[in-house]
Amino acid sequence: MGKRKSAKAPPKRGAEKLATVFSCPFCNHDNSVECRMDRKNQIGEASCRICQEKFSTSIDALSDPIDVYSDWIDECERANNVA
C-alpha cells in the first residue's frame, strides 16, 4: 500500500514593493519626484525632475521613500494653512 498524496502548499506571495517615484505637488507631473535615501547621513531627499523643487528631511533605519514624500506633502499642507 502506498501513501496518500499530500496537497500542494499554496504558492507564497511576494511582499508588495513600495513606490519610489511620485507625482509633484507643485507642477503636478506624474512620476517626476524621485526619493533618495542617504542612510549613512540619515537624510532623505525628494526632488522633482521637471520643476527642480527639492525637500529633505531626517530619516531613521525604518524609513522608506514613501515616508520622505509624505513628510513633504505634510509640510506643504502646513505651509498652506499658515498663509
N, C-alpha and C. Protein backbone atom coordinates (compact mmCIF):
# COMPACT_ATOMS: atom_id res chain seq x y z
N MET A 1 0.83 -1.17 0.00
CA MET A 1 0.00 0.00 0.00
C MET A 1 0.88 1.24 0.00
N GLY A 2 0.44 2.22 -0.72
CA GLY A 2 1.20 3.46 -0.81
C GLY A 2 0.62 4.56 0.06
N LYS A 3 1.39 5.59 0.20
CA LYS A 3 0.92 6.73 0.97
C LYS A 3 -0.02 7.58 0.13
N ARG A 4 -0.86 8.33 0.84
CA ARG A 4 -1.72 9.29 0.14
C ARG A 4 -0.88 10.49 -0.29
N LYS A 5 -1.22 11.04 -1.40
CA LYS A 5 -0.52 12.23 -1.86
C LYS A 5 -1.00 13.42 -1.04
N SER A 6 -0.04 14.19 -0.56
CA SER A 6 -0.41 15.37 0.21
C SER A 6 -0.71 16.52 -0.75
N ALA A 7 -1.58 17.40 -0.31
CA ALA A 7 -1.94 18.55 -1.13
C ALA A 7 -0.75 19.51 -1.20
N LYS A 8 -0.62 20.15 -2.34
CA LYS A 8 0.46 21.11 -2.51
C LYS A 8 0.19 22.34 -1.65
N ALA A 9 1.24 22.87 -1.09
CA ALA A 9 1.12 24.10 -0.31
C ALA A 9 0.82 25.25 -1.27
N PRO A 10 0.00 26.22 -0.86
CA PRO A 10 -0.28 27.34 -1.74
C PRO A 10 0.98 28.14 -2.01
N PRO A 11 1.10 28.73 -3.19
CA PRO A 11 2.32 29.49 -3.52
C PRO A 11 2.46 30.71 -2.61
N LYS A 12 3.70 31.00 -2.26
CA LYS A 12 3.97 32.15 -1.40
C LYS A 12 3.85 33.43 -2.20
N ARG A 13 3.26 34.42 -1.57
CA ARG A 13 3.14 35.72 -2.22
C ARG A 13 4.33 36.57 -1.83
N GLY A 14 4.88 37.26 -2.80
CA GLY A 14 5.99 38.16 -2.53
C GLY A 14 5.47 39.44 -1.87
N ALA A 15 6.29 40.08 -1.10
CA ALA A 15 5.90 41.33 -0.46
C ALA A 15 5.73 42.41 -1.54
N GLU A 16 4.70 43.22 -1.38
CA GLU A 16 4.48 44.29 -2.34
C GLU A 16 5.56 45.35 -2.17
N LYS A 17 6.08 45.80 -3.29
CA LYS A 17 7.13 46.81 -3.25
C LYS A 17 6.48 48.19 -3.21
N LEU A 18 7.03 49.05 -2.38
CA LEU A 18 6.53 50.41 -2.27
C LEU A 18 7.12 51.26 -3.38
N ALA A 19 6.37 52.27 -3.77
CA ALA A 19 6.81 53.14 -4.86
C ALA A 19 7.97 54.02 -4.42
N THR A 20 8.82 54.38 -5.36
CA THR A 20 9.91 55.31 -5.08
C THR A 20 9.79 56.56 -5.95
N VAL A 21 8.84 56.58 -6.88
CA VAL A 21 8.63 57.71 -7.77
C VAL A 21 7.19 58.17 -7.61
N PHE A 22 6.99 59.49 -7.45
CA PHE A 22 5.68 60.03 -7.13
C PHE A 22 5.36 61.23 -8.00
N SER A 23 4.14 61.78 -7.85
CA SER A 23 3.77 62.98 -8.58
C SER A 23 4.17 64.22 -7.77
N CYS A 24 4.49 65.29 -8.47
CA CYS A 24 4.98 66.50 -7.83
C CYS A 24 3.81 67.33 -7.31
N PRO A 25 3.88 67.81 -6.06
CA PRO A 25 2.79 68.64 -5.53
C PRO A 25 2.80 70.07 -6.11
N PHE A 26 3.88 70.48 -6.76
CA PHE A 26 3.96 71.84 -7.30
C PHE A 26 3.60 71.89 -8.78
N CYS A 27 4.18 71.03 -9.59
CA CYS A 27 3.92 71.08 -11.04
C CYS A 27 2.92 70.01 -11.49
N ASN A 28 2.52 69.11 -10.62
CA ASN A 28 1.50 68.07 -10.89
C ASN A 28 1.88 67.10 -11.99
N HIS A 29 3.16 66.94 -12.30
CA HIS A 29 3.58 65.92 -13.26
C HIS A 29 3.63 64.57 -12.55
N ASP A 30 3.11 63.55 -13.21
CA ASP A 30 3.16 62.20 -12.65
C ASP A 30 4.56 61.62 -12.79
N ASN A 31 4.95 60.82 -11.83
CA ASN A 31 6.23 60.10 -11.83
C ASN A 31 7.43 61.03 -12.05
N SER A 32 7.39 62.21 -11.46
CA SER A 32 8.51 63.14 -11.64
C SER A 32 9.31 63.35 -10.36
N VAL A 33 8.78 62.95 -9.20
CA VAL A 33 9.51 63.13 -7.94
C VAL A 33 10.20 61.82 -7.59
N GLU A 34 11.49 61.90 -7.40
CA GLU A 34 12.28 60.73 -7.04
C GLU A 34 12.83 60.93 -5.63
N CYS A 35 12.74 59.90 -4.81
CA CYS A 35 13.22 59.97 -3.43
C CYS A 35 14.52 59.20 -3.29
N ARG A 36 15.50 59.85 -2.69
CA ARG A 36 16.79 59.21 -2.44
C ARG A 36 17.01 59.14 -0.94
N MET A 37 17.55 58.03 -0.50
CA MET A 37 17.78 57.80 0.92
C MET A 37 19.28 57.70 1.16
N ASP A 38 19.80 58.58 1.98
CA ASP A 38 21.21 58.52 2.39
C ASP A 38 21.22 58.03 3.83
N ARG A 39 21.27 56.73 3.99
CA ARG A 39 21.15 56.12 5.32
C ARG A 39 22.39 56.40 6.18
N LYS A 40 23.53 56.58 5.54
CA LYS A 40 24.75 56.86 6.29
C LYS A 40 24.65 58.20 7.03
N ASN A 41 24.15 59.22 6.34
CA ASN A 41 24.00 60.55 6.94
C ASN A 41 22.60 60.79 7.49
N GLN A 42 21.72 59.81 7.37
CA GLN A 42 20.34 59.84 7.86
C GLN A 42 19.57 61.03 7.27
N ILE A 43 19.65 61.17 5.94
CA ILE A 43 18.93 62.22 5.24
C ILE A 43 18.16 61.59 4.08
N GLY A 44 16.88 61.95 3.97
CA GLY A 44 16.06 61.55 2.84
C GLY A 44 15.76 62.77 2.00
N GLU A 45 15.89 62.66 0.68
CA GLU A 45 15.68 63.80 -0.20
C GLU A 45 14.71 63.44 -1.30
N ALA A 46 13.72 64.30 -1.51
CA ALA A 46 12.77 64.15 -2.61
C ALA A 46 12.99 65.32 -3.56
N SER A 47 13.12 65.05 -4.86
CA SER A 47 13.34 66.12 -5.82
C SER A 47 12.55 65.85 -7.09
N CYS A 48 12.02 66.93 -7.67
CA CYS A 48 11.24 66.84 -8.91
C CYS A 48 12.18 67.05 -10.09
N ARG A 49 12.06 66.21 -11.09
CA ARG A 49 12.90 66.33 -12.28
C ARG A 49 12.43 67.44 -13.21
N ILE A 50 11.16 67.83 -13.10
CA ILE A 50 10.60 68.83 -14.02
C ILE A 50 10.82 70.25 -13.50
N CYS A 51 10.32 70.53 -12.28
CA CYS A 51 10.38 71.91 -11.76
C CYS A 51 11.54 72.13 -10.79
N GLN A 52 12.36 71.13 -10.53
CA GLN A 52 13.57 71.23 -9.72
C GLN A 52 13.30 71.56 -8.24
N GLU A 53 12.06 71.35 -7.76
CA GLU A 53 11.77 71.53 -6.34
C GLU A 53 12.43 70.40 -5.55
N LYS A 54 12.93 70.73 -4.36
CA LYS A 54 13.59 69.73 -3.52
C LYS A 54 13.09 69.82 -2.10
N PHE A 55 13.13 68.70 -1.40
CA PHE A 55 12.78 68.64 0.01
C PHE A 55 13.66 67.59 0.66
N SER A 56 14.20 67.92 1.83
CA SER A 56 15.00 66.94 2.55
C SER A 56 14.54 66.89 4.00
N THR A 57 14.66 65.72 4.59
CA THR A 57 14.24 65.50 5.96
C THR A 57 15.14 64.45 6.59
N SER A 58 15.11 64.39 7.90
CA SER A 58 15.90 63.36 8.58
C SER A 58 15.13 62.04 8.55
N ILE A 59 15.87 60.95 8.47
CA ILE A 59 15.26 59.62 8.41
C ILE A 59 15.90 58.73 9.46
N ASP A 60 15.28 57.58 9.68
CA ASP A 60 15.87 56.58 10.56
C ASP A 60 15.99 55.26 9.79
N ALA A 61 16.35 54.21 10.46
CA ALA A 61 16.61 52.93 9.80
C ALA A 61 15.35 52.33 9.18
N LEU A 62 14.18 52.69 9.69
CA LEU A 62 12.93 52.10 9.19
C LEU A 62 12.24 52.94 8.13
N SER A 63 12.78 54.09 7.80
CA SER A 63 12.15 54.99 6.83
C SER A 63 12.23 54.43 5.42
N ASP A 64 11.19 54.73 4.64
CA ASP A 64 11.12 54.35 3.23
C ASP A 64 10.93 55.61 2.40
N PRO A 65 11.09 55.52 1.08
CA PRO A 65 10.88 56.71 0.24
C PRO A 65 9.47 57.31 0.38
N ILE A 66 8.47 56.47 0.61
CA ILE A 66 7.11 56.99 0.78
C ILE A 66 7.02 57.87 2.03
N ASP A 67 7.83 57.60 3.03
CA ASP A 67 7.84 58.41 4.25
C ASP A 67 8.39 59.81 3.97
N VAL A 68 9.43 59.90 3.15
CA VAL A 68 10.01 61.19 2.79
C VAL A 68 8.99 62.00 1.99
N TYR A 69 8.33 61.35 1.03
CA TYR A 69 7.32 62.03 0.21
C TYR A 69 6.15 62.48 1.08
N SER A 70 5.72 61.65 2.01
CA SER A 70 4.61 62.02 2.90
C SER A 70 4.98 63.21 3.78
N ASP A 71 6.22 63.24 4.26
CA ASP A 71 6.68 64.39 5.04
C ASP A 71 6.64 65.67 4.21
N TRP A 72 6.99 65.56 2.93
CA TRP A 72 6.97 66.71 2.04
C TRP A 72 5.54 67.21 1.86
N ILE A 73 4.62 66.31 1.61
CA ILE A 73 3.21 66.68 1.43
C ILE A 73 2.67 67.32 2.71
N ASP A 74 3.01 66.75 3.87
CA ASP A 74 2.55 67.32 5.15
C ASP A 74 3.11 68.73 5.35
N GLU A 75 4.37 68.94 4.98
CA GLU A 75 4.99 70.25 5.13
C GLU A 75 4.34 71.26 4.18
N CYS A 76 3.98 70.85 2.98
CA CYS A 76 3.29 71.73 2.03
C CYS A 76 1.92 72.13 2.58
N GLU A 77 1.19 71.18 3.14
CA GLU A 77 -0.12 71.48 3.71
C GLU A 77 0.01 72.42 4.90
N ARG A 78 1.03 72.21 5.73
CA ARG A 78 1.27 73.09 6.87
C ARG A 78 1.56 74.51 6.42
N ALA A 79 2.36 74.66 5.36
CA ALA A 79 2.70 75.99 4.84
C ALA A 79 1.46 76.65 4.24
N ASN A 80 0.58 75.89 3.61
CA ASN A 80 -0.63 76.48 3.01
C ASN A 80 -1.62 76.91 4.09
N ASN A 81 -1.67 76.20 5.20
CA ASN A 81 -2.60 76.56 6.26
C ASN A 81 -2.16 77.78 7.04
N VAL A 82 -0.86 78.01 7.13
CA VAL A 82 -0.34 79.18 7.85
C VAL A 82 -0.60 80.46 7.07
N ALA A 83 -0.42 80.40 5.78
CA ALA A 83 -0.56 81.60 4.94
C ALA A 83 -1.99 82.03 4.76
